[in-house]
């Protein structure tokens, strides 16, 4: 314990307090000897980093509990399945940098439930670089993260329905359901339709530069 506290730059008293609060996992014991490892050290450095960013110990305890009960990264990413998305590995401090005070235990749990996040040791793995960047940009624009996640859940439902449609059509009417061709055609159709749908909706809502005045 003394060696771990020294490596982490904290006092033994603080380390004991963190253990009592459940902020770090118990050590591995061999008889009367308690062994700490790199995971304990990483967690302590994470706690220090989050405290420096203004998070409270209660909030960190909630986050720690969520990390420890999080979904396995292999389950989230569906390892072995083809994907166009690029996963991103993050420390809890880096996740806090992306979402600031929005990185709460509740939002983290919702992200795990959606399959956006998984846990790999002391790292968090986000399933998609594009989704991570878009989500953080929305939060910076003023959209609460819980609203982003709620919208993401609705988008997921529509995306699943679209994927079912394209797979069914291709397999019904072609002899060779090439995944590459399916992705290319689906992207083209959905991108074009979404673009036109946005045009229609923005025309209905009027010119954002002149509130209340519809476009001709």
Protein backbone atom coordinates (compact mmCIF):
# COMPACT_ATOMS: atom_id res chain seq x y z
CA UNK A 1 0.00 0.00 0.00
CA UNK A 2 2.84 2.38 0.83
CA UNK A 3 4.51 1.66 -2.52
CA UNK A 4 1.27 2.19 -4.43
CA UNK A 5 0.54 5.47 -2.66
CA UNK A 6 4.05 6.73 -3.43
CA UNK A 7 3.74 5.80 -7.13
CA UNK A 8 0.37 7.54 -7.32
CA UNK A 9 1.60 10.66 -5.53
CA UNK A 10 -0.93 10.44 -2.70
CA UNK A 11 -0.79 9.63 1.00
CA UNK A 12 -1.51 6.21 2.45
CA UNK A 13 -4.38 7.78 4.38
CA UNK A 14 -5.93 9.01 1.11
CA UNK A 15 -5.46 5.57 -0.45
CA UNK A 16 -7.24 3.92 2.48
CA UNK A 17 -10.07 6.44 2.12
CA UNK A 18 -10.40 5.61 -1.60
CA UNK A 19 -10.55 1.90 -0.77
CA UNK A 20 -13.25 2.47 1.84
CA UNK A 21 -15.29 4.46 -0.71
CA UNK A 22 -14.95 1.65 -3.26
CA UNK A 23 -13.05 3.86 -5.70
CA UNK A 24 -10.46 1.14 -6.32
CA UNK A 25 -10.76 -2.63 -6.36
CA UNK A 26 -9.46 -4.66 -3.38
CA UNK A 27 -5.89 -5.95 -3.76
CA UNK A 28 -5.03 -9.54 -4.57
CA UNK A 29 -4.04 -11.31 -1.36
CA UNK A 30 -1.50 -14.02 -0.72
CA UNK A 31 -1.65 -14.85 2.96
CA UNK A 32 -0.99 -11.62 4.80
CA UNK A 33 0.45 -9.86 1.73
CA UNK A 34 -1.76 -7.51 -0.34
CA UNK A 35 -0.66 -7.09 -3.95
CA UNK A 36 -1.59 -4.02 -5.99
CA UNK A 37 -0.96 -3.83 -9.73
CA UNK A 38 -0.91 -1.41 -12.68
CA UNK A 39 -4.73 -1.34 -12.81
CA UNK A 40 -4.88 0.07 -9.29
CA UNK A 41 -2.25 2.67 -10.18
CA UNK A 42 -4.12 3.65 -13.35
CA UNK A 43 -7.37 4.03 -11.40
CA UNK A 44 -5.68 6.26 -8.79
CA UNK A 45 -4.21 8.48 -11.51
CA UNK A 46 -7.64 8.64 -13.12
CA UNK A 47 -9.19 9.77 -9.82
CA UNK A 48 -6.54 12.48 -9.47
CA UNK A 49 -7.15 13.65 -13.04
CA UNK A 50 -10.92 13.80 -12.56
CA UNK A 51 -10.57 15.71 -9.29
CA UNK A 52 -8.32 18.24 -11.05
CA UNK A 53 -11.07 18.70 -13.68
CA UNK A 54 -13.59 19.60 -10.99
CA UNK A 55 -15.41 16.28 -10.50
CA UNK A 56 -16.53 15.44 -6.96
CA UNK A 57 -15.64 12.23 -5.15
CA UNK A 58 -19.30 11.23 -5.12
CA UNK A 59 -19.45 11.65 -8.88
CA UNK A 60 -16.19 9.76 -9.35
CA UNK A 61 -17.50 6.95 -7.14
CA UNK A 62 -20.57 6.67 -9.37
CA UNK A 63 -18.39 6.61 -12.47
CA UNK A 64 -16.10 3.99 -10.93
CA UNK A 65 -19.06 1.77 -10.12
CA UNK A 66 -20.28 2.12 -13.70
CA UNK A 67 -16.83 1.31 -15.10
CA UNK A 68 -16.58 -1.79 -12.94
CA UNK A 69 -19.98 -3.08 -14.01
CA UNK A 70 -19.59 -2.06 -17.66
CA UNK A 71 -20.10 -4.27 -20.69
CA UNK A 72 -17.11 -6.16 -21.98
CA UNK A 73 -15.52 -4.52 -25.01
CA UNK A 74 -15.81 -7.68 -27.10
CA UNK A 75 -19.56 -7.76 -26.46
CA UNK A 76 -19.97 -4.12 -27.47
CA UNK A 77 -17.80 -4.16 -30.57
CA UNK A 78 -18.90 -7.58 -31.79
CA UNK A 79 -15.30 -8.56 -32.48
CA UNK A 80 -14.96 -10.60 -35.64
CA UNK A 81 -17.88 -8.88 -37.36
CA UNK A 82 -17.19 -6.55 -40.34
CA UNK A 83 -17.49 -2.85 -39.60
CA UNK A 84 -16.65 0.47 -41.24
CA UNK A 85 -16.36 2.19 -37.87
CA UNK A 86 -13.10 2.94 -36.08
CA UNK A 87 -13.17 2.29 -32.30
CA UNK A 88 -11.53 4.84 -29.99
CA UNK A 89 -9.73 3.99 -26.76
CA UNK A 90 -10.08 6.56 -23.99
CA UNK A 91 -9.07 7.01 -20.40
CA UNK A 92 -11.82 8.28 -18.08
CA UNK A 93 -10.00 11.64 -18.01
CA UNK A 94 -10.11 11.87 -21.81
CA UNK A 95 -13.81 11.03 -21.79
CA UNK A 96 -14.33 13.83 -19.27
CA UNK A 97 -12.44 16.19 -21.59
CA UNK A 98 -14.87 15.34 -24.40
CA UNK A 99 -18.05 15.87 -22.37
CA UNK A 100 -17.02 17.90 -19.29
CA UNK A 101 -19.71 17.86 -16.60
CA UNK A 102 -21.97 15.81 -18.88
CA UNK A 103 -19.81 12.72 -18.26
CA UNK A 104 -22.05 11.50 -15.45
CA UNK A 105 -22.64 7.95 -14.30
CA UNK A 106 -26.18 8.10 -15.69
CA UNK A 107 -25.02 9.19 -19.15
CA UNK A 108 -22.20 6.64 -19.08
CA UNK A 109 -24.66 3.86 -18.24
CA UNK A 110 -26.97 4.99 -21.06
CA UNK A 111 -24.02 4.96 -23.49
CA UNK A 112 -23.15 1.43 -22.45
CA UNK A 113 -26.76 0.33 -22.82
CA UNK A 114 -26.80 1.75 -26.35
CA UNK A 115 -23.59 -0.09 -27.16
CA UNK A 116 -21.55 3.07 -27.68
CA UNK A 117 -19.12 2.26 -24.87
CA UNK A 118 -17.35 -0.81 -23.54
CA UNK A 119 -14.72 -1.39 -20.87
CA UNK A 120 -11.31 -2.94 -21.53
CA UNK A 121 -9.29 -3.03 -18.31
CA UNK A 122 -8.86 0.59 -17.22
CA UNK A 123 -9.73 1.94 -20.66
CA UNK A 124 -13.05 2.91 -22.17
CA UNK A 125 -13.65 1.94 -25.79
CA UNK A 126 -16.07 3.98 -27.91
CA UNK A 127 -17.44 1.96 -30.78
CA UNK A 128 -17.18 4.74 -33.40
CA UNK A 129 -14.88 7.71 -33.93
CA UNK A 130 -17.56 9.40 -36.06
CA UNK A 131 -20.24 9.03 -33.39
CA UNK A 132 -17.88 10.22 -30.64
CA UNK A 133 -16.92 13.35 -32.58
CA UNK A 134 -20.54 14.11 -33.55
CA UNK A 135 -21.80 13.60 -29.98
CA UNK A 136 -19.14 15.82 -28.44
CA UNK A 137 -19.77 18.52 -31.08
CA UNK A 138 -23.49 18.50 -30.24
CA UNK A 139 -22.70 18.83 -26.53
CA UNK A 140 -20.35 21.75 -27.24
CA UNK A 141 -23.16 23.36 -29.24
CA UNK A 142 -25.36 23.27 -26.13
CA UNK A 143 -27.31 20.03 -26.53
CA UNK A 144 -27.37 18.05 -23.23
CA UNK A 145 -25.69 14.67 -23.52
CA UNK A 146 -28.79 12.86 -22.25
CA UNK A 147 -30.75 14.43 -25.14
CA UNK A 148 -28.03 13.34 -27.59
CA UNK A 149 -28.24 9.77 -26.27
CA UNK A 150 -32.04 9.77 -26.36
CA UNK A 151 -31.92 10.90 -29.98
CA UNK A 152 -29.28 8.29 -30.70
CA UNK A 153 -31.62 5.60 -29.41
CA UNK A 154 -34.31 6.76 -31.86
CA UNK A 155 -31.81 6.98 -34.72
CA UNK A 156 -30.68 3.42 -33.90
CA UNK A 157 -34.26 2.15 -34.29
CA UNK A 158 -34.65 3.82 -37.69
CA UNK A 159 -31.18 2.69 -38.80
CA UNK A 160 -31.97 -0.92 -37.90
CA UNK A 161 -35.18 -0.72 -39.93
CA UNK A 162 -33.30 0.73 -42.92
CA UNK A 163 -30.62 -1.95 -42.70
CA UNK A 164 -33.29 -4.67 -42.64
CA UNK A 165 -34.92 -3.11 -45.71
CA UNK A 166 -31.73 -2.93 -47.77
CA UNK A 167 -30.57 -6.44 -46.84
CA UNK A 168 -33.98 -7.90 -47.61
CA UNK A 169 -34.26 -6.15 -51.00
CA UNK A 170 -30.76 -7.12 -52.11
CA UNK A 171 -31.07 -10.74 -51.03
CA UNK A 172 -34.53 -11.06 -52.61
CA UNK A 173 -33.67 -9.62 -56.01
CA UNK A 174 -29.98 -10.43 -56.56
CA UNK A 175 -28.06 -13.66 -56.63
CA UNK A 176 -24.93 -12.20 -55.05
CA UNK A 177 -25.52 -10.14 -51.90
CA UNK A 178 -22.05 -8.59 -51.79
CA UNK A 179 -21.61 -6.69 -48.47
CA UNK A 180 -19.47 -4.03 -50.15
CA UNK A 181 -22.10 -3.33 -52.77
CA UNK A 182 -24.81 -3.28 -50.11
CA UNK A 183 -22.96 -0.69 -48.01
CA UNK A 184 -22.21 1.55 -51.01
CA UNK A 185 -25.78 1.56 -52.31
CA UNK A 186 -27.34 1.95 -48.87
CA UNK A 187 -25.09 4.91 -48.04
CA UNK A 188 -25.92 6.61 -51.34
CA UNK A 189 -29.68 6.23 -50.94
CA UNK A 190 -29.83 7.19 -47.24
CA UNK A 191 -27.48 10.18 -47.64
CA UNK A 192 -29.53 11.53 -50.57
CA UNK A 193 -32.89 10.98 -48.89
CA UNK A 194 -31.73 12.50 -45.59
CA UNK A 195 -30.34 15.53 -47.41
CA UNK A 196 -33.65 16.10 -49.21
CA UNK A 197 -35.62 15.52 -46.01
CA UNK A 198 -33.54 18.17 -44.22
CA UNK A 199 -34.15 20.58 -47.09
CA UNK A 200 -37.90 20.02 -46.77
CA UNK A 201 -37.91 20.41 -43.00
CA UNK A 202 -35.81 23.57 -43.07
CA UNK A 203 -38.14 25.10 -45.67
CA UNK A 204 -41.11 24.26 -43.46
CA UNK A 205 -39.45 25.84 -40.43
CA UNK A 206 -38.55 29.01 -42.33
CA UNK A 207 -35.28 30.87 -42.70
CA UNK A 208 -33.27 30.60 -39.45
CA UNK A 209 -31.92 34.11 -40.10
CA UNK A 210 -35.46 35.50 -40.07
CA UNK A 211 -37.48 33.71 -37.38
CA UNK A 212 -41.13 33.27 -38.21
CA UNK A 213 -40.72 34.16 -41.86
CA UNK A 214 -41.13 31.18 -44.21
CA UNK A 215 -38.95 30.84 -47.24
CA UNK A 216 -40.58 31.39 -50.63
